[in-house]
Protein backbone atom coordinates (compact mmCIF):
# COMPACT_ATOMS: atom_id res chain seq x y z
CA MET A 1 74.51 49.05 -52.84
CA ILE A 2 75.02 45.08 -51.35
CA ILE A 3 70.97 43.74 -50.43
CA HIS A 4 71.20 40.30 -48.95
CA THR A 5 68.27 37.85 -49.20
CA ILE A 6 67.53 35.93 -45.46
CA ASP A 7 65.47 32.82 -45.65
CA LEU A 8 63.77 32.57 -43.06
CA GLU A 9 63.26 28.86 -43.60
CA PHE A 10 59.33 28.86 -42.87
CA GLN A 11 57.78 25.85 -41.07
CA GLY A 12 61.46 24.09 -41.95
CA VAL A 13 60.53 24.90 -45.70
CA ARG A 14 62.90 27.12 -47.90
CA LYS A 15 61.79 29.71 -50.06
CA VAL A 16 58.78 30.99 -48.31
CA ILE A 17 59.20 33.88 -46.57
CA ALA A 18 61.93 36.54 -46.95
CA ALA A 19 63.35 39.62 -44.77
CA PHE A 20 66.00 41.76 -46.46
CA LEU A 21 69.45 43.39 -45.49
CA VAL A 22 71.07 46.33 -46.39
CA PRO A 23 73.90 47.31 -45.20
CA HIS A 24 74.81 51.09 -44.23
CA ARG A 25 77.03 53.30 -42.79
CA ASP A 26 75.41 53.18 -39.34
CA GLY A 27 74.70 49.54 -39.18
CA VAL A 28 71.64 47.51 -41.27
CA VAL A 29 68.24 48.05 -42.45
CA LEU A 30 65.69 44.98 -42.51
CA VAL A 31 63.21 45.18 -45.03
CA GLU A 32 60.28 42.82 -43.37
CA SER A 33 60.60 41.15 -40.22
CA GLY A 34 59.18 37.80 -40.78
CA PRO A 35 56.91 36.38 -38.32
CA GLN A 36 57.78 36.30 -34.40
CA THR A 37 58.54 31.89 -35.54
CA THR A 38 61.28 32.66 -37.53
CA TRP A 39 63.18 34.69 -35.09
CA GLU A 40 66.09 32.43 -34.59
CA ALA A 41 66.30 31.68 -38.71
CA LEU A 42 66.55 35.61 -38.66
CA LYS A 43 69.09 36.00 -35.72
CA ARG A 44 71.05 33.22 -37.67
CA GLY A 45 70.55 34.75 -41.18
CA LEU A 46 72.06 38.35 -39.49
CA ALA A 47 74.86 36.70 -38.29
CA LYS A 48 75.82 34.90 -41.23
CA HIS A 49 76.57 38.72 -42.33
CA GLY A 50 78.26 39.41 -39.01
CA TYR A 51 75.20 42.04 -37.52
CA ALA A 52 73.01 41.02 -34.40
CA PRO A 53 69.26 42.37 -34.23
CA CYS A 54 70.53 45.43 -32.21
CA ASP A 55 72.48 46.07 -35.33
CA VAL A 56 69.45 46.71 -37.31
CA THR A 57 68.73 50.62 -37.16
CA ASP A 58 65.34 50.13 -38.90
CA VAL A 59 62.64 47.72 -40.07
CA LEU A 60 60.60 48.45 -43.67
CA LEU A 61 57.58 46.85 -43.09
CA THR A 62 55.55 46.36 -46.41
CA HIS A 63 52.50 46.04 -44.51
CA VAL A 64 51.38 44.45 -41.00
CA HIS A 65 50.37 41.37 -41.93
CA PHE A 66 51.86 38.25 -39.58
CA ASP A 67 54.37 36.92 -41.87
CA HIS A 68 56.08 40.06 -43.16
CA ALA A 69 55.90 42.45 -39.57
CA GLY A 70 55.21 39.60 -37.07
CA ALA A 71 58.15 39.81 -35.08
CA ALA A 72 59.22 43.90 -35.83
CA TRP A 73 57.92 44.26 -32.16
CA SER A 74 61.26 41.84 -31.17
CA LEU A 75 63.29 43.92 -33.33
CA ALA A 76 61.88 47.67 -31.63
CA LYS A 77 62.78 46.23 -28.14
CA ASP A 78 66.28 45.89 -29.83
CA GLY A 79 66.23 49.69 -30.40
CA SER A 80 65.52 49.29 -34.05
CA ASN A 81 62.95 52.05 -35.70
CA VAL A 82 59.97 50.57 -37.59
CA HIS A 83 58.33 52.04 -40.33
CA VAL A 84 55.21 51.11 -41.40
CA HIS A 85 52.00 52.70 -43.79
CA PRO A 86 49.75 55.59 -41.73
CA LYS A 87 47.07 52.43 -41.77
CA GLY A 88 48.48 49.67 -40.56
CA TYR A 89 50.30 52.30 -37.49
CA LYS A 90 47.24 51.41 -34.94
CA HIS A 91 47.85 47.58 -35.55
CA LEU A 92 51.53 47.46 -34.78
CA ALA A 93 50.69 50.01 -31.71
CA ASP A 94 48.02 47.92 -30.50
CA PRO A 95 48.15 44.22 -32.01
CA SER A 96 44.79 42.79 -30.62
CA ARG A 97 42.49 43.35 -33.07
CA LEU A 98 44.67 42.26 -35.94
CA TRP A 99 45.74 39.03 -33.65
CA ASN A 100 41.45 38.27 -32.92
CA SER A 101 40.97 38.58 -36.68
CA ALA A 102 43.44 36.35 -37.85
CA ALA A 103 42.68 33.91 -34.86
CA ARG A 104 39.70 33.79 -36.05
CA ILE A 105 40.75 31.89 -39.55
CA TYR A 106 43.86 30.28 -38.05
CA GLY A 107 42.54 29.33 -34.20
CA ASP A 108 44.47 29.95 -31.18
CA GLU A 109 46.64 26.79 -31.80
CA GLY A 110 47.51 28.14 -35.49
CA MET A 111 48.66 31.63 -34.29
CA LYS A 112 51.21 30.09 -31.86
CA LEU A 113 52.45 27.06 -34.65
CA LEU A 114 52.77 29.58 -37.94
CA TRP A 115 53.15 33.31 -36.18
CA GLY A 116 53.95 33.27 -32.96
CA ALA A 117 53.65 35.93 -30.60
CA MET A 118 53.03 39.88 -31.57
CA GLN A 119 53.54 42.44 -28.91
CA PRO A 120 52.57 46.38 -29.13
CA ILE A 121 55.59 48.55 -30.25
CA ASP A 122 56.23 51.66 -28.47
CA GLU A 123 55.42 54.77 -30.23
CA SER A 124 58.44 56.28 -29.84
CA LYS A 125 59.71 53.44 -32.18
CA LEU A 126 56.79 53.05 -34.60
CA HIS A 127 56.72 55.78 -37.46
CA MET A 128 54.61 56.00 -40.03
CA ALA A 129 55.79 56.64 -43.81
CA GLU A 130 53.66 58.89 -46.30
CA GLU A 131 53.34 58.45 -49.68
CA GLY A 132 56.61 59.38 -51.11
CA GLN A 133 58.47 60.24 -48.05
CA VAL A 134 62.33 59.53 -48.57
CA LEU A 135 63.97 57.89 -45.43
CA LYS A 136 67.34 58.73 -45.31
CA ILE A 137 69.62 55.89 -43.37
CA GLY A 138 73.52 56.00 -43.35
CA GLY A 139 73.69 57.58 -46.77
CA LEU A 140 71.09 55.47 -48.33
CA GLU A 141 67.50 56.68 -49.66
CA PHE A 142 64.45 54.49 -49.33
CA ILE A 143 61.40 55.92 -50.71
CA ALA A 144 57.78 54.78 -49.73
CA HIS A 145 55.63 54.11 -52.52
CA HIS A 146 51.95 53.61 -51.19
CA SER A 147 50.45 50.36 -53.09
CA PRO A 148 47.22 49.50 -52.30
CA GLY A 149 45.82 46.37 -53.87
CA HIS A 150 46.84 43.56 -51.45
CA ALA A 151 46.25 45.15 -48.56
CA LYS A 152 45.08 48.94 -47.64
CA HIS A 153 48.18 49.39 -45.69
CA HIS A 154 51.07 48.28 -48.32
CA ILE A 155 54.05 49.98 -49.23
CA ALA A 156 56.85 48.91 -51.64
CA TRP A 157 60.25 50.39 -50.91
CA GLN A 158 62.52 51.45 -53.50
CA CYS A 159 65.83 52.39 -52.74
CA GLY A 160 67.77 53.00 -56.01
CA ASP A 161 67.24 50.52 -58.49
CA ALA A 162 65.97 48.32 -56.09
CA LEU A 163 62.18 47.83 -55.30
CA PHE A 164 61.35 45.69 -52.55
CA THR A 165 57.75 44.86 -53.36
CA GLY A 166 55.82 43.06 -50.25
CA ASP A 167 53.04 41.35 -51.87
CA VAL A 168 51.65 43.77 -54.53
CA GLY A 169 54.39 42.50 -56.36
CA GLY A 170 53.10 38.67 -56.49
CA VAL A 171 54.65 35.61 -55.39
CA CYS A 172 57.27 33.98 -57.51
CA ILE A 173 59.51 31.05 -55.81
CA ASN A 174 62.10 28.64 -57.84
CA ASN A 175 60.74 30.21 -60.95
CA GLY A 176 57.82 29.04 -60.87
CA PRO A 177 54.25 30.60 -61.87
CA MET A 178 53.64 34.01 -60.71
CA GLU A 179 50.57 34.81 -58.38
CA PRO A 180 49.06 37.12 -56.55
CA PRO A 181 48.23 36.45 -53.18
CA CYS A 182 44.36 37.47 -52.29
CA PRO A 183 43.87 36.68 -48.70
CA PRO A 184 40.84 38.78 -46.64
CA PRO A 185 40.09 41.58 -45.58
CA ASP A 186 41.62 43.92 -47.96
CA ILE A 187 41.42 42.59 -51.92
CA ASP A 188 41.06 45.05 -54.05
CA ALA A 189 41.70 44.37 -57.67
CA ILE A 190 40.83 47.42 -59.17
CA ALA A 191 43.49 49.32 -56.94
CA TRP A 192 45.99 46.35 -57.25
CA HIS A 193 45.45 47.42 -61.02
CA ALA A 194 46.79 51.28 -60.65
CA SER A 195 49.23 50.08 -58.28
CA ILE A 196 50.90 47.83 -60.46
CA ASP A 197 50.64 50.16 -63.47
CA LYS A 198 52.20 53.02 -60.94
CA LEU A 199 55.40 50.53 -60.20
CA SER A 200 55.88 49.13 -63.21
CA ARG A 201 56.27 53.13 -64.42
CA LEU A 202 59.05 53.19 -62.17
CA THR A 203 61.94 53.31 -64.66
CA ASP A 204 65.35 53.58 -62.67
CA VAL A 205 63.92 50.58 -60.94
CA LYS A 206 66.22 47.62 -62.53
CA ARG A 207 65.43 44.23 -59.54
CA LEU A 208 62.28 43.17 -57.86
CA PHE A 209 62.83 41.62 -54.09
CA LEU A 210 59.37 39.96 -53.73
CA THR A 211 58.92 38.45 -50.39
CA HIS A 212 57.78 35.62 -51.71
CA PHE A 213 60.43 34.38 -52.55
CA GLY A 214 64.12 36.40 -53.67
CA GLU A 215 65.79 39.05 -56.23
CA GLN A 216 63.74 38.68 -59.51
CA GLN A 217 65.78 40.49 -62.55
CA GLY A 218 64.85 40.68 -66.43
CA GLU A 219 62.13 42.31 -68.50
CA LEU A 220 60.12 43.45 -65.23
CA ALA A 221 57.38 44.73 -67.68
CA ASP A 222 56.47 41.27 -68.09
CA HIS A 223 56.68 40.82 -64.58
CA TRP A 224 53.93 42.92 -64.20
CA ARG A 225 51.89 41.91 -66.85
CA THR A 226 51.70 38.62 -65.79
CA LEU A 227 50.84 39.12 -62.38
CA GLY A 228 47.92 41.41 -63.44
CA SER A 229 46.65 39.04 -66.11
CA LYS A 230 46.69 35.95 -63.24
CA LEU A 231 45.09 38.08 -61.03
CA ASP A 232 42.30 38.95 -63.66
CA THR A 233 42.41 34.91 -64.25
CA TRP A 234 41.52 34.11 -60.92
CA ILE A 235 39.01 36.57 -60.30
CA GLU A 236 37.22 35.51 -63.66
CA PHE A 237 37.53 31.71 -62.37
CA ILE A 238 35.98 32.26 -58.60
CA GLU A 239 33.17 34.62 -60.54
CA ALA A 240 32.74 31.56 -62.91
CA ASN A 241 32.22 29.34 -60.39
CA SER A 242 30.54 31.07 -57.49
CA GLU A 243 27.62 28.95 -57.44
CA MET A 244 29.56 26.42 -56.12
CA GLU A 245 29.69 25.42 -52.17
CA HIS A 246 32.61 27.31 -50.52
CA HIS A 247 34.64 24.07 -49.57
CA GLN A 248 33.79 22.81 -53.31
CA LEU A 249 34.55 25.73 -54.80
CA ILE A 250 38.28 25.69 -52.76
CA GLU A 251 38.97 22.73 -53.56
CA HIS A 252 38.25 23.17 -57.15
CA PHE A 253 41.02 26.10 -57.49
CA THR A 254 43.14 24.24 -55.77
CA ASP A 255 42.90 21.54 -58.43
CA PHE A 256 43.18 24.62 -60.57
CA VAL A 257 46.66 26.23 -59.16
CA THR A 258 48.28 23.09 -58.08
CA GLU A 259 47.65 21.94 -61.96
CA GLU A 260 50.39 24.49 -62.41
CA ARG A 261 52.46 24.91 -59.73
CA LYS A 262 53.02 21.00 -60.72
CA LYS A 263 54.83 22.16 -63.99
CA TYR A 264 57.71 23.48 -61.98
CA THR A 265 60.15 21.00 -59.77
CA GLY A 266 60.54 21.95 -56.21
CA ALA A 267 58.25 24.86 -56.02
CA GLU A 268 54.27 23.11 -54.83
CA SER A 269 55.13 22.76 -51.38
CA CYS A 270 56.81 26.58 -51.34
CA TYR A 271 53.53 28.17 -52.67
CA ALA A 272 51.33 26.24 -50.65
CA PHE A 273 52.59 27.84 -47.79
CA ALA A 274 53.71 31.45 -49.31
CA ASN A 275 49.85 31.47 -50.76
CA PRO A 276 47.52 29.06 -49.55
CA ALA A 277 44.62 28.57 -52.37
CA GLU A 278 42.44 28.48 -49.68
CA MET A 279 43.20 31.96 -48.78
CA SER A 280 42.68 33.55 -52.07
CA VAL A 281 39.04 32.21 -52.50
CA THR A 282 38.14 33.51 -49.43
CA GLY A 283 39.81 36.76 -49.80
CA ILE A 284 38.22 37.29 -53.93
CA LYS A 285 34.95 36.05 -52.93
CA ARG A 286 34.93 39.05 -50.14
CA TRP A 287 35.89 41.82 -52.92
CA LEU A 288 33.66 40.41 -55.25
CA HIS A 289 30.52 40.70 -52.47
CA GLN A 290 31.90 44.10 -51.69
CA LYS A 291 31.84 45.19 -55.04
CA GLU A 292 28.11 44.25 -55.69
CA GLU A 293 27.11 45.61 -52.95
CA VAL A 294 28.83 48.87 -53.74
CA ALA A 295 27.40 48.59 -57.01
CA LYS A 296 23.59 48.52 -55.79
CA THR A 297 24.15 51.64 -54.15
């Protein structure tokens, strides 16, 4: 099985967001669409391998965040079937709530700059992927592994010895540090550890494909162990400094993660786009608060 990594050159920066192209006998499968702002880069990436958007029979989304799914509607208009977690389905059928939620963080101008337009996908082209469901596409089989933790609507897609991990498999750019992306609103460290345990037990998987960024081989057990450890470290850091004002905590945490990122040549700017430190502060704080509220009941 051939897998091509398409660098979507998000905001003009390489190795931030990837889409993965998997040829089959009837066309190609695309894992992730990227945001609408990288549509031209996606078309160039397809053309490099002899394809156009109309050749994409199926789009497999790991989750509905804009950097992973924002351009899926454009592919659906060109005829692609779009496969998504049942909990993400409604957000692609009607993205208004998803858009408005994100706009509270980025503002309207930020949304246009970072993500671009997001239009509804006709329900005839939109399909729910249940846990363990096998999609048979052009002689290939893709297995949907529901894997919450980063988002409730997350799927890691397996095809043969390859696992497309979305964000539940972490961020690792230019052989830099392994990081868990923890933006609001759905971070759940307990669910994430359960997903890590589940996915690490897929013994037939030999290759991981991270949306941020690219193929990971070698000792995959080390990959999952390092990711789980870093998730715990970040949570402990936020807990230990929870009395700080929010803006001060963001500065403190940014310094903390940047110190490690700077050890890896060329990685720092990529990580700043792929995994903004301030988003993880907000996401982890929100999860800790929810956890505390549950403990009180």
